[in-house]
Amino acid sequence: MKPIDEQHIAEPGLVVLDITGGDEDTVRAVMATLDEHWATSGVVPVRRDPGEPGVRARIYADVLRPGRHSP
């Protein structure tokens, strides 16, 4: 996974989330739930690292802006 640099989190409220789960469905469900609450980069493809357990995904979120289904 690429390193996180200052540009990714240059403003207050911006976060980078690395999600690891046992299976793809779980990781996708977490990304979808976060997308409902915050403005995120959405549900992105998950990846498997050879020799490492589980699957991983990285999303970007702005926790100051509401997501798709927030009031």
PDB file of N, CA and C in Angstrom:
ATOM      1  N   MET A   1       0.847  -1.165   0.000  1.00  0.00           N
ATOM      2  CA  MET A   1       0.000   0.000   0.000  1.00  0.00           C
ATOM      3  C   MET A   1       0.896   1.232   0.000  1.00  0.00           C
ATOM      4  N   LYS A   2       0.510   2.230  -0.764  1.00  0.00           N
ATOM      5  CA  LYS A   2       1.312   3.444  -0.855  1.00  0.00           C
ATOM      6  C   LYS A   2       1.323   4.172   0.493  1.00  0.00           C
ATOM      7  N   PRO A   3       2.414   4.875   0.806  1.00  0.00           N
ATOM      8  CA  PRO A   3       2.458   5.648   2.045  1.00  0.00           C
ATOM      9  C   PRO A   3       1.484   6.827   1.979  1.00  0.00           C
ATOM     10  N   ILE A   4       1.067   7.272   3.133  1.00  0.00           N
ATOM     11  CA  ILE A   4       0.193   8.444   3.243  1.00  0.00           C
ATOM     12  C   ILE A   4       1.090   9.669   3.338  1.00  0.00           C
ATOM     13  N   ASP A   5       0.796  10.695   2.525  1.00  0.00           N
ATOM     14  CA  ASP A   5       1.592  11.914   2.615  1.00  0.00           C
ATOM     15  C   ASP A   5       0.719  13.073   3.076  1.00  0.00           C
ATOM     16  N   GLU A   6       1.359  14.216   3.310  1.00  0.00           N
ATOM     17  CA  GLU A   6       0.638  15.375   3.842  1.00  0.00           C
ATOM     18  C   GLU A   6      -0.515  15.823   2.958  1.00  0.00           C
ATOM     19  N   GLN A   7      -0.401  15.631   1.659  1.00  0.00           N
ATOM     20  CA  GLN A   7      -1.461  16.058   0.747  1.00  0.00           C
ATOM     21  C   GLN A   7      -2.768  15.312   1.029  1.00  0.00           C
ATOM     22  N   HIS A   8      -2.680  14.057   1.465  1.00  0.00           N
ATOM     23  CA  HIS A   8      -3.881  13.280   1.744  1.00  0.00           C
ATOM     24  C   HIS A   8      -4.689  13.846   2.905  1.00  0.00           C
ATOM     25  N   ILE A   9      -4.019  14.468   3.867  1.00  0.00           N
ATOM     26  CA  ILE A   9      -4.705  14.953   5.068  1.00  0.00           C
ATOM     27  C   ILE A   9      -4.361  16.412   5.349  1.00  0.00           C
ATOM     28  N   ALA A  10      -4.274  17.211   4.304  1.00  0.00           N
ATOM     29  CA  ALA A  10      -3.818  18.593   4.425  1.00  0.00           C
ATOM     30  C   ALA A  10      -4.813  19.523   5.113  1.00  0.00           C
ATOM     31  N   GLU A  11      -6.064  19.150   5.220  1.00  0.00           N
ATOM     32  CA  GLU A  11      -7.077  20.023   5.800  1.00  0.00           C
ATOM     33  C   GLU A  11      -7.738  19.341   6.990  1.00  0.00           C
ATOM     34  N   PRO A  12      -8.252  20.126   7.953  1.00  0.00           N
ATOM     35  CA  PRO A  12      -8.969  19.519   9.074  1.00  0.00           C
ATOM     36  C   PRO A  12     -10.165  18.705   8.568  1.00  0.00           C
ATOM     37  N   GLY A  13     -10.375  17.560   9.177  1.00  0.00           N
ATOM     38  CA  GLY A  13     -11.513  16.719   8.818  1.00  0.00           C
ATOM     39  C   GLY A  13     -11.204  15.638   7.807  1.00  0.00           C
ATOM     40  N   LEU A  14     -10.046  15.724   7.127  1.00  0.00           N
ATOM     41  CA  LEU A  14      -9.690  14.705   6.146  1.00  0.00           C
ATOM     42  C   LEU A  14      -8.954  13.564   6.836  1.00  0.00           C
ATOM     43  N   VAL A  15      -9.354  12.332   6.533  1.00  0.00           N
ATOM     44  CA  VAL A  15      -8.706  11.158   7.119  1.00  0.00           C
ATOM     45  C   VAL A  15      -8.467  10.106   6.047  1.00  0.00           C
ATOM     46  N   VAL A  16      -7.490   9.262   6.276  1.00  0.00           N
ATOM     47  CA  VAL A  16      -7.211   8.107   5.441  1.00  0.00           C
ATOM     48  C   VAL A  16      -7.454   6.892   6.316  1.00  0.00           C
ATOM     49  N   LEU A  17      -8.297   5.978   5.851  1.00  0.00           N
ATOM     50  CA  LEU A  17      -8.644   4.797   6.626  1.00  0.00           C
ATOM     51  C   LEU A  17      -8.170   3.544   5.906  1.00  0.00           C
ATOM     52  N   ASP A  18      -7.315   2.782   6.570  1.00  0.00           N
ATOM     53  CA  ASP A  18      -6.898   1.475   6.074  1.00  0.00           C
ATOM     54  C   ASP A  18      -7.754   0.446   6.789  1.00  0.00           C
ATOM     55  N   ILE A  19      -8.516  -0.317   6.025  1.00  0.00           N
ATOM     56  CA  ILE A  19      -9.458  -1.287   6.581  1.00  0.00           C
ATOM     57  C   ILE A  19      -8.954  -2.687   6.270  1.00  0.00           C
ATOM     58  N   THR A  20      -8.893  -3.525   7.283  1.00  0.00           N
ATOM     59  CA  THR A  20      -8.505  -4.913   7.122  1.00  0.00           C
ATOM     60  C   THR A  20      -9.607  -5.790   7.688  1.00  0.00           C
ATOM     61  N   GLY A  21      -9.996  -6.813   6.940  1.00  0.00           N
ATOM     62  CA  GLY A  21     -11.030  -7.730   7.397  1.00  0.00           C
ATOM     63  C   GLY A  21     -10.750  -9.141   6.932  1.00  0.00           C
ATOM     64  N   GLY A  22     -11.499 -10.068   7.470  1.00  0.00           N
ATOM     65  CA  GLY A  22     -11.303 -11.465   7.135  1.00  0.00           C
ATOM     66  C   GLY A  22     -11.772 -11.848   5.748  1.00  0.00           C
ATOM     67  N   ASP A  23     -12.710 -11.066   5.186  1.00  0.00           N
ATOM     68  CA  ASP A  23     -13.233 -11.401   3.864  1.00  0.00           C
ATOM     69  C   ASP A  23     -13.695 -10.136   3.148  1.00  0.00           C
ATOM     70  N   GLU A  24     -13.874 -10.252   1.840  1.00  0.00           N
ATOM     71  CA  GLU A  24     -14.237  -9.096   1.014  1.00  0.00           C
ATOM     72  C   GLU A  24     -15.596  -8.520   1.383  1.00  0.00           C
ATOM     73  N   ASP A  25     -16.574  -9.367   1.665  1.00  0.00           N
ATOM     74  CA  ASP A  25     -17.916  -8.865   1.995  1.00  0.00           C
ATOM     75  C   ASP A  25     -17.892  -7.981   3.235  1.00  0.00           C
ATOM     76  N   THR A  26     -17.111  -8.372   4.238  1.00  0.00           N
ATOM     77  CA  THR A  26     -17.029  -7.590   5.468  1.00  0.00           C
ATOM     78  C   THR A  26     -16.394  -6.233   5.201  1.00  0.00           C
ATOM     79  N   VAL A  27     -15.303  -6.211   4.470  1.00  0.00           N
ATOM     80  CA  VAL A  27     -14.621  -4.945   4.177  1.00  0.00           C
ATOM     81  C   VAL A  27     -15.509  -4.041   3.333  1.00  0.00           C
ATOM     82  N   ARG A  28     -16.207  -4.592   2.366  1.00  0.00           N
ATOM     83  CA  ARG A  28     -17.131  -3.773   1.548  1.00  0.00           C
ATOM     84  C   ARG A  28     -18.276  -3.218   2.392  1.00  0.00           C
ATOM     85  N   ALA A  29     -18.786  -4.010   3.326  1.00  0.00           N
ATOM     86  CA  ALA A  29     -19.867  -3.538   4.199  1.00  0.00           C
ATOM     87  C   ALA A  29     -19.399  -2.377   5.075  1.00  0.00           C
ATOM     88  N   VAL A  30     -18.178  -2.448   5.572  1.00  0.00           N
ATOM     89  CA  VAL A  30     -17.634  -1.355   6.383  1.00  0.00           C
ATOM     90  C   VAL A  30     -17.503  -0.097   5.529  1.00  0.00           C
ATOM     91  N   MET A  31     -16.964  -0.226   4.324  1.00  0.00           N
ATOM     92  CA  MET A  31     -16.818   0.953   3.455  1.00  0.00           C
ATOM     93  C   MET A  31     -18.173   1.563   3.121  1.00  0.00           C
ATOM     94  N   ALA A  32     -19.171   0.734   2.846  1.00  0.00           N
ATOM     95  CA  ALA A  32     -20.504   1.242   2.516  1.00  0.00           C
ATOM     96  C   ALA A  32     -21.121   1.979   3.704  1.00  0.00           C
ATOM     97  N   THR A  33     -20.921   1.460   4.901  1.00  0.00           N
ATOM     98  CA  THR A  33     -21.459   2.117   6.097  1.00  0.00           C
ATOM     99  C   THR A  33     -20.774   3.457   6.333  1.00  0.00           C
ATOM    100  N   LEU A  34     -19.457   3.502   6.192  1.00  0.00           N
ATOM    101  CA  LEU A  34     -18.747   4.773   6.344  1.00  0.00           C
ATOM    102  C   LEU A  34     -19.211   5.785   5.310  1.00  0.00           C
ATOM    103  N   ASP A  35     -19.487   5.319   4.093  1.00  0.00           N
ATOM    104  CA  ASP A  35     -19.947   6.193   3.011  1.00  0.00           C
ATOM    105  C   ASP A  35     -21.316   6.800   3.319  1.00  0.00           C
ATOM    106  N   GLU A  36     -22.104   6.122   4.124  1.00  0.00           N
ATOM    107  CA  GLU A  36     -23.415   6.665   4.510  1.00  0.00           C
ATOM    108  C   GLU A  36     -23.270   7.812   5.499  1.00  0.00           C
ATOM    109  N   HIS A  37     -22.219   7.794   6.298  1.00  0.00           N
ATOM    110  CA  HIS A  37     -22.053   8.786   7.358  1.00  0.00           C
ATOM    111  C   HIS A  37     -21.172   9.964   6.971  1.00  0.00           C
ATOM    112  N   TRP A  38     -20.157   9.715   6.157  1.00  0.00           N
ATOM    113  CA  TRP A  38     -19.208  10.754   5.764  1.00  0.00           C
ATOM    114  C   TRP A  38     -19.046  10.770   4.253  1.00  0.00           C
ATOM    115  N   ALA A  39     -18.556  11.878   3.739  1.00  0.00           N
ATOM    116  CA  ALA A  39     -18.178  11.945   2.326  1.00  0.00           C
ATOM    117  C   ALA A  39     -16.871  11.157   2.185  1.00  0.00           C
ATOM    118  N   THR A  40     -16.911  10.049   1.433  1.00  0.00           N
ATOM    119  CA  THR A  40     -15.730   9.195   1.289  1.00  0.00           C
ATOM    120  C   THR A  40     -15.399   8.989  -0.187  1.00  0.00           C
ATOM    121  N   SER A  41     -14.304   8.307  -0.409  1.00  0.00           N
ATOM    122  CA  SER A  41     -13.937   7.949  -1.780  1.00  0.00           C
ATOM    123  C   SER A  41     -14.778   6.785  -2.289  1.00  0.00           C
ATOM    124  N   GLY A  42     -15.697   6.309  -1.480  1.00  0.00           N
ATOM    125  CA  GLY A  42     -16.628   5.261  -1.890  1.00  0.00           C
ATOM    126  C   GLY A  42     -16.101   3.866  -1.638  1.00  0.00           C
ATOM    127  N   VAL A  43     -16.837   2.891  -2.131  1.00  0.00           N
ATOM    128  CA  VAL A  43     -16.440   1.495  -1.993  1.00  0.00           C
ATOM    129  C   VAL A  43     -15.405   1.217  -3.077  1.00  0.00           C
ATOM    130  N   VAL A  44     -14.194   0.961  -2.664  1.00  0.00           N
ATOM    131  CA  VAL A  44     -13.082   0.746  -3.585  1.00  0.00           C
ATOM    132  C   VAL A  44     -12.752  -0.743  -3.644  1.00  0.00           C
ATOM    133  N   PRO A  45     -12.009  -1.162  -4.654  1.00  0.00           N
ATOM    134  CA  PRO A  45     -11.623  -2.576  -4.717  1.00  0.00           C
ATOM    135  C   PRO A  45     -10.789  -2.977  -3.498  1.00  0.00           C
ATOM    136  N   VAL A  46     -10.980  -4.198  -3.046  1.00  0.00           N
ATOM    137  CA  VAL A  46     -10.178  -4.735  -1.948  1.00  0.00           C
ATOM    138  C   VAL A  46      -9.011  -5.508  -2.540  1.00  0.00           C
ATOM    139  N   ARG A  47      -7.983  -5.710  -1.740  1.00  0.00           N
ATOM    140  CA  ARG A  47      -6.826  -6.438  -2.243  1.00  0.00           C
ATOM    141  C   ARG A  47      -6.359  -7.446  -1.211  1.00  0.00           C
ATOM    142  N   ARG A  48      -5.686  -8.454  -1.699  1.00  0.00           N
ATOM    143  CA  ARG A  48      -5.056  -9.474  -0.853  1.00  0.00           C
ATOM    144  C   ARG A  48      -3.560  -9.350  -1.015  1.00  0.00           C
ATOM    145  N   ASP A  49      -2.853  -9.367   0.097  1.00  0.00           N
ATOM    146  CA  ASP A  49      -1.394  -9.373   0.067  1.00  0.00           C
ATOM    147  C   ASP A  49      -0.928 -10.812   0.239  1.00  0.00           C
ATOM    148  N   PRO A  50      -0.123 -11.322  -0.698  1.00  0.00           N
ATOM    149  CA  PRO A  50       0.354 -12.696  -0.586  1.00  0.00           C
ATOM    150  C   PRO A  50       1.030 -12.958   0.763  1.00  0.00           C
ATOM    151  N   GLY A  51       0.642 -14.046   1.383  1.00  0.00           N
ATOM    152  CA  GLY A  51       1.224 -14.424   2.663  1.00  0.00           C
ATOM    153  C   GLY A  51       0.626 -13.724   3.866  1.00  0.00           C
ATOM    154  N   GLU A  52      -0.284 -12.774   3.652  1.00  0.00           N
ATOM    155  CA  GLU A  52      -0.934 -12.048   4.747  1.00  0.00           C
ATOM    156  C   GLU A  52      -2.387 -12.491   4.852  1.00  0.00           C
ATOM    157  N   PRO A  53      -2.904 -12.631   6.064  1.00  0.00           N
ATOM    158  CA  PRO A  53      -4.310 -13.032   6.207  1.00  0.00           C
ATOM    159  C   PRO A  53      -5.261 -11.883   5.867  1.00  0.00           C
ATOM    160  N   GLY A  54      -6.450 -12.211   5.419  1.00  0.00           N
ATOM    161  CA  GLY A  54      -7.498 -11.226   5.184  1.00  0.00           C
ATOM    162  C   GLY A  54      -7.326 -10.406   3.923  1.00  0.00           C
ATOM    163  N   VAL A  55      -8.172  -9.395   3.817  1.00  0.00           N
ATOM    164  CA  VAL A  55      -8.163  -8.473   2.684  1.00  0.00           C
ATOM    165  C   VAL A  55      -8.074  -7.050   3.218  1.00  0.00           C
ATOM    166  N   ARG A  56      -7.643  -6.137   2.339  1.00  0.00           N
ATOM    167  CA  ARG A  56      -7.434  -4.754   2.761  1.00  0.00           C
ATOM    168  C   ARG A  56      -8.010  -3.782   1.736  1.00  0.00           C
ATOM    169  N   ALA A  57      -8.342  -2.600   2.232  1.00  0.00           N
ATOM    170  CA  ALA A  57      -8.782  -1.505   1.367  1.00  0.00           C
ATOM    171  C   ALA A  57      -8.400  -0.198   2.045  1.00  0.00           C
ATOM    172  N   ARG A  58      -8.208   0.830   1.247  1.00  0.00           N
ATOM    173  CA  ARG A  58      -7.924   2.170   1.779  1.00  0.00           C
ATOM    174  C   ARG A  58      -8.955   3.120   1.204  1.00  0.00           C
ATOM    175  N   ILE A  59      -9.595   3.886   2.098  1.00  0.00           N
ATOM    176  CA  ILE A  59     -10.519   4.912   1.638  1.00  0.00           C
ATOM    177  C   ILE A  59     -10.135   6.250   2.262  1.00  0.00           C
ATOM    178  N   TYR A  60     -10.596   7.293   1.623  1.00  0.00           N
ATOM    179  CA  TYR A  60     -10.357   8.652   2.077  1.00  0.00           C
ATOM    180  C   TYR A  60     -11.708   9.228   2.470  1.00  0.00           C
ATOM    181  N   ALA A  61     -11.733   9.969   3.584  1.00  0.00           N
ATOM    182  CA  ALA A  61     -13.006  10.504   4.060  1.00  0.00           C
ATOM    183  C   ALA A  61     -12.836  11.931   4.545  1.00  0.00           C
ATOM    184  N   ASP A  62     -13.913  12.692   4.396  1.00  0.00           N
ATOM    185  CA  ASP A  62     -14.010  14.036   4.953  1.00  0.00           C
ATOM    186  C   ASP A  62     -15.079  13.946   6.026  1.00  0.00           C
ATOM    187  N   VAL A  63     -14.656  13.906   7.281  1.00  0.00           N
ATOM    188  CA  VAL A  63     -15.607  13.705   8.370  1.00  0.00           C
ATOM    189  C   VAL A  63     -16.409  14.959   8.707  1.00  0.00           C
ATOM    190  N   LEU A  64     -16.119  16.064   8.027  1.00  0.00           N
ATOM    191  CA  LEU A  64     -16.886  17.288   8.236  1.00  0.00           C
ATOM    192  C   LEU A  64     -18.055  17.416   7.270  1.00  0.00           C
ATOM    193  N   ARG A  65     -18.065  16.569   6.227  1.00  0.00           N
ATOM    194  CA  ARG A  65     -19.158  16.606   5.246  1.00  0.00           C
ATOM    195  C   ARG A  65     -19.994  15.355   5.393  1.00  0.00           C
ATOM    196  N   PRO A  66     -21.310  15.493   5.331  1.00  0.00           N
ATOM    197  CA  PRO A  66     -22.175  14.312   5.470  1.00  0.00           C
ATOM    198  C   PRO A  66     -22.061  13.373   4.269  1.00  0.00           C
ATOM    199  N   GLY A  67     -22.378  12.121   4.526  1.00  0.00           N
ATOM    200  CA  GLY A  67     -22.350  11.097   3.477  1.00  0.00           C
ATOM    201  C   GLY A  67     -23.632  11.063   2.682  1.00  0.00           C
ATOM    202  N   ARG A  68     -23.812   9.981   1.968  1.00  0.00           N
ATOM    203  CA  ARG A  68     -24.942   9.836   1.045  1.00  0.00           C
ATOM    204  C   ARG A  68     -26.293   9.783   1.741  1.00  0.00           C
ATOM    205  N   HIS A  69     -26.344   9.180   2.919  1.00  0.00           N
ATOM    206  CA  HIS A  69     -27.649   8.990   3.576  1.00  0.00           C
ATOM    207  C   HIS A  69     -27.757   9.699   4.903  1.00  0.00           C
ATOM    208  N   SER A  70     -26.863  10.638   5.181  1.00  0.00           N
ATOM    209  CA  SER A  70     -26.935  11.409   6.425  1.00  0.00           C
ATOM    210  C   SER A  70     -28.000  12.475   6.281  1.00  0.00           C
ATOM    211  N   PRO A  71     -28.581  12.877   7.404  1.00  0.00           N
ATOM    212  CA  PRO A  71     -29.606  13.938   7.342  1.00  0.00           C
ATOM    213  C   PRO A  71     -29.043  15.266   6.927  1.00  0.00           C
TER     214      PRO A  71
END
